[in-house]
């Protein structure tokens, strides 16, 4: 068995950790699979690889937004269950609508072969 190593800065490593976690893999397993996939297809262009990186960043950003919305919805539900006013409810629902549109845009750009908006 061989155990190659690589160096990366903190930001790159954290991106790798998040990507591995999103796939329910260890960092080592994720890194090995990603490297082997790239090695098996040497015809891929740098633009394709950059597009995938942009797509992953877009997905991570959307996941973060959805987590925040979930927290806000929990606060709205707790307030309403306690017969308290929840003036932030409309804003939370508007954010749900916006993130839904963002998901649609990201998916459509992926299907069209384009890169997500920054």
Protein backbone atom coordinates (compact mmCIF):
# COMPACT_ATOMS: atom_id res chain seq x y z
CA UNK A 1 0.00 0.00 0.00
CA UNK A 2 1.15 3.52 -0.77
CA UNK A 3 0.35 6.58 1.29
CA UNK A 4 0.93 9.77 -0.71
CA UNK A 5 0.85 13.09 1.10
CA UNK A 6 0.11 16.64 0.05
CA UNK A 7 0.25 20.11 1.53
CA UNK A 8 -2.53 22.69 1.63
CA UNK A 9 -3.30 25.86 3.50
CA UNK A 10 -5.94 26.06 6.25
CA UNK A 11 -8.68 27.29 3.91
CA UNK A 12 -8.05 24.48 1.42
CA UNK A 13 -7.98 21.89 4.17
CA UNK A 14 -11.24 23.12 5.69
CA UNK A 15 -12.87 22.97 2.25
CA UNK A 16 -11.64 19.38 1.96
CA UNK A 17 -12.95 18.51 5.43
CA UNK A 18 -16.39 19.97 4.63
CA UNK A 19 -16.53 18.16 1.29
CA UNK A 20 -15.59 14.84 2.89
CA UNK A 21 -18.18 15.34 5.65
CA UNK A 22 -20.86 16.18 3.08
CA UNK A 23 -20.12 12.82 1.42
CA UNK A 24 -19.96 10.96 4.76
CA UNK A 25 -16.34 9.99 4.08
CA UNK A 26 -13.10 10.38 5.91
CA UNK A 27 -10.76 13.03 4.52
CA UNK A 28 -8.34 10.33 3.36
CA UNK A 29 -11.05 8.34 1.56
CA UNK A 30 -12.50 11.48 -0.05
CA UNK A 31 -9.08 12.67 -1.17
CA UNK A 32 -8.20 9.26 -2.63
CA UNK A 33 -11.49 8.97 -4.53
CA UNK A 34 -11.30 12.49 -5.87
CA UNK A 35 -7.68 12.09 -6.97
CA UNK A 36 -8.34 8.76 -8.65
CA UNK A 37 -11.40 10.12 -10.44
CA UNK A 38 -9.33 13.01 -11.78
CA UNK A 39 -6.46 10.70 -12.74
CA UNK A 40 -8.78 8.43 -14.72
CA UNK A 41 -10.03 11.34 -16.83
CA UNK A 42 -7.05 13.41 -17.91
CA UNK A 43 -9.05 15.02 -20.72
CA UNK A 44 -10.92 17.25 -18.29
CA UNK A 45 -10.11 20.89 -18.65
CA UNK A 46 -9.14 23.29 -15.92
CA UNK A 47 -12.41 25.15 -16.59
CA UNK A 48 -14.44 22.00 -15.84
CA UNK A 49 -12.55 21.47 -12.61
CA UNK A 50 -12.98 25.13 -11.63
CA UNK A 51 -16.68 24.88 -12.44
CA UNK A 52 -17.02 21.93 -10.10
CA UNK A 53 -15.20 23.81 -7.38
CA UNK A 54 -17.57 26.76 -7.86
CA UNK A 55 -20.54 24.40 -7.78
CA UNK A 56 -19.36 22.88 -4.49
CA UNK A 57 -18.88 26.32 -2.98
CA UNK A 58 -22.39 27.27 -4.09
CA UNK A 59 -23.81 24.12 -2.52
CA UNK A 60 -21.96 24.71 0.76
CA UNK A 61 -23.23 28.32 0.82
CA UNK A 62 -26.79 27.11 0.26
CA UNK A 63 -26.43 24.51 3.01
CA UNK A 64 -25.28 27.24 5.39
CA UNK A 65 -28.25 29.40 4.42
CA UNK A 66 -30.65 26.49 4.96
CA UNK A 67 -29.15 25.78 8.39
CA UNK A 68 -29.70 29.41 9.39
CA UNK A 69 -33.25 29.33 8.08
CA UNK A 70 -33.89 26.15 10.08
CA UNK A 71 -32.72 27.87 13.25
CA UNK A 72 -34.94 30.86 12.51
CA UNK A 73 -37.94 28.64 11.80
CA UNK A 74 -37.40 26.89 15.13
CA UNK A 75 -37.46 30.27 16.87
CA UNK A 76 -40.67 31.23 15.05
CA UNK A 77 -42.30 27.90 15.97
CA UNK A 78 -41.25 28.23 19.61
CA UNK A 79 -42.70 31.74 19.78
CA UNK A 80 -45.98 30.72 18.13
CA UNK A 81 -46.28 27.65 20.38
CA UNK A 82 -45.93 29.94 23.40
CA UNK A 83 -48.62 32.31 22.06
CA UNK A 84 -45.96 34.98 21.58
CA UNK A 85 -45.78 37.20 18.51
CA UNK A 86 -43.35 36.14 15.79
CA UNK A 87 -42.81 39.27 13.68
CA UNK A 88 -39.80 37.66 11.98
CA UNK A 89 -41.99 34.93 10.44
CA UNK A 90 -42.56 36.80 7.18
CA UNK A 91 -38.85 37.54 6.79
CA UNK A 92 -37.97 33.89 7.42
CA UNK A 93 -40.51 32.71 4.84
CA UNK A 94 -39.20 35.28 2.36
CA UNK A 95 -35.68 33.91 2.92
CA UNK A 96 -36.98 30.38 2.29
CA UNK A 97 -38.38 31.59 -1.03
CA UNK A 98 -35.08 33.30 -1.91
CA UNK A 99 -32.95 30.24 -1.11
CA UNK A 100 -35.36 28.10 -3.11
CA UNK A 101 -34.78 30.39 -6.10
CA UNK A 102 -31.02 30.26 -5.49
CA UNK A 103 -31.17 26.45 -5.57
CA UNK A 104 -33.08 26.58 -8.85
CA UNK A 105 -30.51 28.93 -10.38
CA UNK A 106 -27.59 26.80 -9.23
CA UNK A 107 -29.16 23.60 -10.57
CA UNK A 108 -30.08 25.20 -13.89
CA UNK A 109 -26.57 26.58 -14.40
CA UNK A 110 -25.17 23.15 -13.63
CA UNK A 111 -27.53 21.54 -16.13
CA UNK A 112 -26.60 24.17 -18.72
CA UNK A 113 -22.91 23.42 -18.16
CA UNK A 114 -22.25 26.88 -16.80
CA UNK A 115 -20.66 28.14 -13.66
CA UNK A 116 -22.69 29.38 -10.68
CA UNK A 117 -22.86 33.08 -9.96
CA UNK A 118 -20.35 34.30 -7.41
